[in-house]
């Protein structure tokens, strides 16, 4: 009886070590994401990462090409804040074994090229308008993830990003109203 119990405990321990090893493996090691991470959660992480990459690049462009100091300052804030947000996204994605792309989406890249072709006051107007549109869209995506995401970790990430995105929206709306 004791021998059977020892064999059973050893078998359970071996089985559990294989399960926990799969979750501890580095990303892209051939293991699936934990079961509470839905395709929607994965898509949210990918989109959030791409949005952050686009906002960082757009912020850098604003720092270089804007006419108004308020737009240059907002660009610098975007670089800092979206770098911080993206570090959080990357940490969660790595933990949940979600592979992230290396660049913004094609649509975002086209928008960045369009903005980069402008300078001075024309750049300021186009950048502020794009930021208002993008940050409103992002707030809706964050609310959607918080309300209907599967992974609590991804939902917490979305909830934590909301105040930063709202602050950015308020800032660009105040810049726009000051024009």
C-alpha atoms as a PDB file:
ATOM      1  CA  UNK A   1       0.000   0.000   0.000  1.00  0.00           C
ATOM      2  CA  UNK A   2       2.730   2.470   0.960  1.00  0.00           C
ATOM      3  CA  UNK A   3       4.678   1.571  -2.166  1.00  0.00           C
ATOM      4  CA  UNK A   4       1.595   2.237  -4.333  1.00  0.00           C
ATOM      5  CA  UNK A   5       1.075   5.622  -2.598  1.00  0.00           C
ATOM      6  CA  UNK A   6       4.701   6.607  -3.248  1.00  0.00           C
ATOM      7  CA  UNK A   7       4.367   5.663  -6.933  1.00  0.00           C
ATOM      8  CA  UNK A   8       1.111   7.665  -7.178  1.00  0.00           C
ATOM      9  CA  UNK A   9       2.662  10.747  -5.549  1.00  0.00           C
ATOM     10  CA  UNK A  10       5.705  10.485  -7.835  1.00  0.00           C
ATOM     11  CA  UNK A  11       3.463  10.201 -10.920  1.00  0.00           C
ATOM     12  CA  UNK A  12       1.384  13.216  -9.890  1.00  0.00           C
ATOM     13  CA  UNK A  13       4.529  15.256  -9.158  1.00  0.00           C
ATOM     14  CA  UNK A  14       5.995  14.345 -12.553  1.00  0.00           C
ATOM     15  CA  UNK A  15       2.787  15.260 -14.325  1.00  0.00           C
ATOM     16  CA  UNK A  16       2.514  18.582 -12.515  1.00  0.00           C
ATOM     17  CA  UNK A  17       6.134  19.483 -13.162  1.00  0.00           C
ATOM     18  CA  UNK A  18       5.490  19.088 -16.897  1.00  0.00           C
ATOM     19  CA  UNK A  19       2.474  21.391 -16.703  1.00  0.00           C
ATOM     20  CA  UNK A  20       4.251  24.086 -14.704  1.00  0.00           C
ATOM     21  CA  UNK A  21       7.331  23.829 -16.915  1.00  0.00           C
ATOM     22  CA  UNK A  22       5.159  24.676 -19.914  1.00  0.00           C
ATOM     23  CA  UNK A  23       3.984  27.867 -18.262  1.00  0.00           C
ATOM     24  CA  UNK A  24       7.481  28.829 -17.161  1.00  0.00           C
ATOM     25  CA  UNK A  25       8.992  28.395 -20.620  1.00  0.00           C
ATOM     26  CA  UNK A  26      10.139  31.452 -22.548  1.00  0.00           C
ATOM     27  CA  UNK A  27       7.837  32.892 -25.207  1.00  0.00           C
ATOM     28  CA  UNK A  28       7.641  31.064 -28.502  1.00  0.00           C
ATOM     29  CA  UNK A  29       9.022  27.886 -26.916  1.00  0.00           C
ATOM     30  CA  UNK A  30       6.259  25.850 -28.508  1.00  0.00           C
ATOM     31  CA  UNK A  31       3.842  26.052 -25.603  1.00  0.00           C
ATOM     32  CA  UNK A  32       0.341  27.424 -25.912  1.00  0.00           C
ATOM     33  CA  UNK A  33      -0.770  30.486 -23.989  1.00  0.00           C
ATOM     34  CA  UNK A  34      -2.436  29.824 -20.652  1.00  0.00           C
ATOM     35  CA  UNK A  35      -6.066  28.776 -21.122  1.00  0.00           C
ATOM     36  CA  UNK A  36      -7.610  32.005 -19.790  1.00  0.00           C
ATOM     37  CA  UNK A  37      -6.033  34.061 -22.587  1.00  0.00           C
ATOM     38  CA  UNK A  38      -8.594  34.321 -25.375  1.00  0.00           C
ATOM     39  CA  UNK A  39      -7.926  35.289 -28.978  1.00  0.00           C
ATOM     40  CA  UNK A  40      -9.533  38.617 -28.105  1.00  0.00           C
ATOM     41  CA  UNK A  41      -7.020  39.153 -25.271  1.00  0.00           C
ATOM     42  CA  UNK A  42      -4.163  38.256 -27.611  1.00  0.00           C
ATOM     43  CA  UNK A  43      -5.461  40.659 -30.264  1.00  0.00           C
ATOM     44  CA  UNK A  44      -5.763  43.388 -27.636  1.00  0.00           C
ATOM     45  CA  UNK A  45      -2.126  42.915 -26.580  1.00  0.00           C
ATOM     46  CA  UNK A  46      -0.951  43.021 -30.198  1.00  0.00           C
ATOM     47  CA  UNK A  47      -3.008  46.153 -30.933  1.00  0.00           C
ATOM     48  CA  UNK A  48      -1.897  47.866 -27.712  1.00  0.00           C
ATOM     49  CA  UNK A  49       1.744  47.156 -28.563  1.00  0.00           C
ATOM     50  CA  UNK A  50       1.349  48.473 -32.103  1.00  0.00           C
ATOM     51  CA  UNK A  51      -0.494  51.552 -30.821  1.00  0.00           C
ATOM     52  CA  UNK A  52       2.314  52.234 -28.372  1.00  0.00           C
ATOM     53  CA  UNK A  53       4.944  51.855 -31.094  1.00  0.00           C
ATOM     54  CA  UNK A  54       3.024  54.258 -33.328  1.00  0.00           C
ATOM     55  CA  UNK A  55       2.543  56.773 -30.501  1.00  0.00           C
ATOM     56  CA  UNK A  56       6.249  56.659 -29.632  1.00  0.00           C
ATOM     57  CA  UNK A  57       7.228  57.281 -33.258  1.00  0.00           C
ATOM     58  CA  UNK A  58       4.574  59.975 -33.625  1.00  0.00           C
ATOM     59  CA  UNK A  59       5.751  61.638 -30.426  1.00  0.00           C
ATOM     60  CA  UNK A  60       9.335  61.672 -31.688  1.00  0.00           C
ATOM     61  CA  UNK A  61       8.139  63.244 -34.923  1.00  0.00           C
ATOM     62  CA  UNK A  62       6.200  65.878 -32.962  1.00  0.00           C
ATOM     63  CA  UNK A  63       9.298  66.734 -30.959  1.00  0.00           C
ATOM     64  CA  UNK A  64      11.214  67.333 -34.213  1.00  0.00           C
ATOM     65  CA  UNK A  65       8.610  68.897 -36.514  1.00  0.00           C
ATOM     66  CA  UNK A  66       6.018  70.751 -34.467  1.00  0.00           C
ATOM     67  CA  UNK A  67       5.829  74.520 -34.531  1.00  0.00           C
ATOM     68  CA  UNK A  68       4.144  74.990 -31.156  1.00  0.00           C
ATOM     69  CA  UNK A  69       6.007  74.208 -27.970  1.00  0.00           C
ATOM     70  CA  UNK A  70       2.860  72.621 -26.515  1.00  0.00           C
ATOM     71  CA  UNK A  71       2.841  70.049 -29.339  1.00  0.00           C
ATOM     72  CA  UNK A  72       6.572  69.383 -28.923  1.00  0.00           C
ATOM     73  CA  UNK A  73       6.021  68.905 -25.180  1.00  0.00           C
ATOM     74  CA  UNK A  74       3.075  66.580 -25.819  1.00  0.00           C
ATOM     75  CA  UNK A  75       5.271  64.575 -28.202  1.00  0.00           C
ATOM     76  CA  UNK A  76       7.913  64.172 -25.512  1.00  0.00           C
ATOM     77  CA  UNK A  77       5.220  63.089 -23.019  1.00  0.00           C
ATOM     78  CA  UNK A  78       3.910  60.522 -25.538  1.00  0.00           C
ATOM     79  CA  UNK A  79       7.368  59.017 -25.923  1.00  0.00           C
ATOM     80  CA  UNK A  80       7.798  58.684 -22.161  1.00  0.00           C
ATOM     81  CA  UNK A  81       4.276  57.486 -21.341  1.00  0.00           C
ATOM     82  CA  UNK A  82       3.838  55.095 -24.263  1.00  0.00           C
ATOM     83  CA  UNK A  83       7.299  53.610 -23.662  1.00  0.00           C
ATOM     84  CA  UNK A  84       6.235  52.898 -20.087  1.00  0.00           C
ATOM     85  CA  UNK A  85       2.849  51.507 -21.188  1.00  0.00           C
ATOM     86  CA  UNK A  86       4.527  49.366 -23.819  1.00  0.00           C
ATOM     87  CA  UNK A  87       6.955  47.915 -21.293  1.00  0.00           C
ATOM     88  CA  UNK A  88       3.915  46.765 -19.307  1.00  0.00           C
ATOM     89  CA  UNK A  89       2.283  45.310 -22.432  1.00  0.00           C
ATOM     90  CA  UNK A  90       5.482  43.442 -23.326  1.00  0.00           C
ATOM     91  CA  UNK A  91       5.807  42.075 -19.788  1.00  0.00           C
ATOM     92  CA  UNK A  92       2.228  40.741 -19.803  1.00  0.00           C
ATOM     93  CA  UNK A  93       2.551  39.390 -23.354  1.00  0.00           C
ATOM     94  CA  UNK A  94       5.743  37.545 -22.452  1.00  0.00           C
ATOM     95  CA  UNK A  95       4.168  36.083 -19.332  1.00  0.00           C
ATOM     96  CA  UNK A  96       1.105  34.965 -21.299  1.00  0.00           C
ATOM     97  CA  UNK A  97       3.205  33.785 -24.258  1.00  0.00           C
ATOM     98  CA  UNK A  98       1.689  36.159 -26.782  1.00  0.00           C
ATOM     99  CA  UNK A  99       3.998  37.028 -29.656  1.00  0.00           C
ATOM    100  CA  UNK A 100       4.112  40.737 -30.490  1.00  0.00           C
ATOM    101  CA  UNK A 101       4.954  42.295 -33.868  1.00  0.00           C
ATOM    102  CA  UNK A 102       8.020  44.465 -34.294  1.00  0.00           C
ATOM    103  CA  UNK A 103       6.344  47.504 -35.810  1.00  0.00           C
ATOM    104  CA  UNK A 104       3.093  49.454 -36.035  1.00  0.00           C
ATOM    105  CA  UNK A 105       0.371  48.193 -38.373  1.00  0.00           C
ATOM    106  CA  UNK A 106       0.467  49.105 -42.062  1.00  0.00           C
ATOM    107  CA  UNK A 107      -2.314  51.637 -41.467  1.00  0.00           C
ATOM    108  CA  UNK A 108      -0.393  53.223 -38.594  1.00  0.00           C
ATOM    109  CA  UNK A 109       2.788  53.341 -40.659  1.00  0.00           C
ATOM    110  CA  UNK A 110       0.918  55.105 -43.468  1.00  0.00           C
ATOM    111  CA  UNK A 111      -0.433  57.652 -40.968  1.00  0.00           C
ATOM    112  CA  UNK A 112       3.064  58.221 -39.584  1.00  0.00           C
ATOM    113  CA  UNK A 113       4.388  58.801 -43.116  1.00  0.00           C
ATOM    114  CA  UNK A 114       1.541  61.227 -43.836  1.00  0.00           C
ATOM    115  CA  UNK A 115       2.294  63.189 -40.667  1.00  0.00           C
ATOM    116  CA  UNK A 116       6.052  63.143 -41.263  1.00  0.00           C
ATOM    117  CA  UNK A 117       5.532  64.831 -44.625  1.00  0.00           C
ATOM    118  CA  UNK A 118       4.150  67.904 -42.825  1.00  0.00           C
ATOM    119  CA  UNK A 119       5.878  70.520 -40.736  1.00  0.00           C
ATOM    120  CA  UNK A 120       5.115  73.616 -38.705  1.00  0.00           C
ATOM    121  CA  UNK A 121       1.507  74.641 -38.130  1.00  0.00           C
ATOM    122  CA  UNK A 122       0.184  72.118 -40.687  1.00  0.00           C
ATOM    123  CA  UNK A 123       1.931  69.339 -38.778  1.00  0.00           C
ATOM    124  CA  UNK A 124       0.570  70.610 -35.458  1.00  0.00           C
ATOM    125  CA  UNK A 125      -3.039  70.575 -36.690  1.00  0.00           C
ATOM    126  CA  UNK A 126      -2.750  67.162 -38.340  1.00  0.00           C
ATOM    127  CA  UNK A 127      -0.949  65.608 -35.361  1.00  0.00           C
ATOM    128  CA  UNK A 128      -3.397  66.965 -32.790  1.00  0.00           C
ATOM    129  CA  UNK A 129      -6.392  65.838 -34.869  1.00  0.00           C
ATOM    130  CA  UNK A 130      -4.879  62.360 -35.287  1.00  0.00           C
ATOM    131  CA  UNK A 131      -4.126  62.123 -31.563  1.00  0.00           C
ATOM    132  CA  UNK A 132      -7.668  63.058 -30.597  1.00  0.00           C
ATOM    133  CA  UNK A 133      -9.079  60.459 -32.983  1.00  0.00           C
ATOM    134  CA  UNK A 134      -6.575  57.772 -31.932  1.00  0.00           C
ATOM    135  CA  UNK A 135      -6.932  58.315 -28.196  1.00  0.00           C
ATOM    136  CA  UNK A 136     -10.735  58.244 -28.369  1.00  0.00           C
ATOM    137  CA  UNK A 137     -10.516  54.970 -30.277  1.00  0.00           C
ATOM    138  CA  UNK A 138      -8.025  53.610 -27.750  1.00  0.00           C
ATOM    139  CA  UNK A 139     -10.288  54.479 -24.816  1.00  0.00           C
ATOM    140  CA  UNK A 140     -13.088  52.495 -26.448  1.00  0.00           C
ATOM    141  CA  UNK A 141     -10.762  49.519 -26.967  1.00  0.00           C
ATOM    142  CA  UNK A 142      -9.623  49.692 -23.337  1.00  0.00           C
ATOM    143  CA  UNK A 143     -13.220  49.787 -22.105  1.00  0.00           C
ATOM    144  CA  UNK A 144     -14.078  46.828 -24.337  1.00  0.00           C
ATOM    145  CA  UNK A 145     -11.175  44.757 -22.991  1.00  0.00           C
ATOM    146  CA  UNK A 146     -12.013  45.623 -19.374  1.00  0.00           C
ATOM    147  CA  UNK A 147     -15.660  44.666 -19.831  1.00  0.00           C
ATOM    148  CA  UNK A 148     -15.304  41.534 -21.945  1.00  0.00           C
ATOM    149  CA  UNK A 149     -11.726  40.267 -21.829  1.00  0.00           C
ATOM    150  CA  UNK A 150     -10.997  36.765 -20.522  1.00  0.00           C
ATOM    151  CA  UNK A 151      -7.609  37.213 -18.865  1.00  0.00           C
ATOM    152  CA  UNK A 152      -7.719  39.173 -15.626  1.00  0.00           C
ATOM    153  CA  UNK A 153      -4.107  40.200 -16.174  1.00  0.00           C
ATOM    154  CA  UNK A 154      -4.903  41.706 -19.588  1.00  0.00           C
ATOM    155  CA  UNK A 155      -8.031  43.383 -18.204  1.00  0.00           C
ATOM    156  CA  UNK A 156      -5.946  44.889 -15.371  1.00  0.00           C
ATOM    157  CA  UNK A 157      -3.440  46.163 -17.922  1.00  0.00           C
ATOM    158  CA  UNK A 158      -6.236  47.843 -19.907  1.00  0.00           C
ATOM    159  CA  UNK A 159      -7.708  49.371 -16.749  1.00  0.00           C
ATOM    160  CA  UNK A 160      -4.313  50.735 -15.694  1.00  0.00           C
ATOM    161  CA  UNK A 161      -3.743  52.341 -19.119  1.00  0.00           C
ATOM    162  CA  UNK A 162      -7.050  54.232 -19.145  1.00  0.00           C
ATOM    163  CA  UNK A 163      -5.950  57.212 -16.981  1.00  0.00           C
ATOM    164  CA  UNK A 164      -2.845  57.783 -19.121  1.00  0.00           C
ATOM    165  CA  UNK A 165      -4.826  57.653 -22.370  1.00  0.00           C
ATOM    166  CA  UNK A 166      -7.510  59.945 -20.915  1.00  0.00           C
ATOM    167  CA  UNK A 167      -4.825  62.404 -19.785  1.00  0.00           C
ATOM    168  CA  UNK A 168      -3.377  62.421 -23.313  1.00  0.00           C
ATOM    169  CA  UNK A 169      -6.810  62.983 -24.826  1.00  0.00           C
ATOM    170  CA  UNK A 170      -7.493  65.876 -22.453  1.00  0.00           C
ATOM    171  CA  UNK A 171      -4.106  67.391 -23.281  1.00  0.00           C
ATOM    172  CA  UNK A 172      -4.526  67.306 -27.067  1.00  0.00           C
ATOM    173  CA  UNK A 173      -8.101  68.578 -26.778  1.00  0.00           C
ATOM    174  CA  UNK A 174      -6.812  71.541 -24.757  1.00  0.00           C
ATOM    175  CA  UNK A 175      -4.096  72.166 -27.352  1.00  0.00           C
ATOM    176  CA  UNK A 176      -6.734  72.050 -30.088  1.00  0.00           C
ATOM    177  CA  UNK A 177      -9.054  74.452 -28.288  1.00  0.00           C
ATOM    178  CA  UNK A 178      -6.160  76.858 -27.774  1.00  0.00           C
ATOM    179  CA  UNK A 179      -5.506  77.136 -31.517  1.00  0.00           C
END
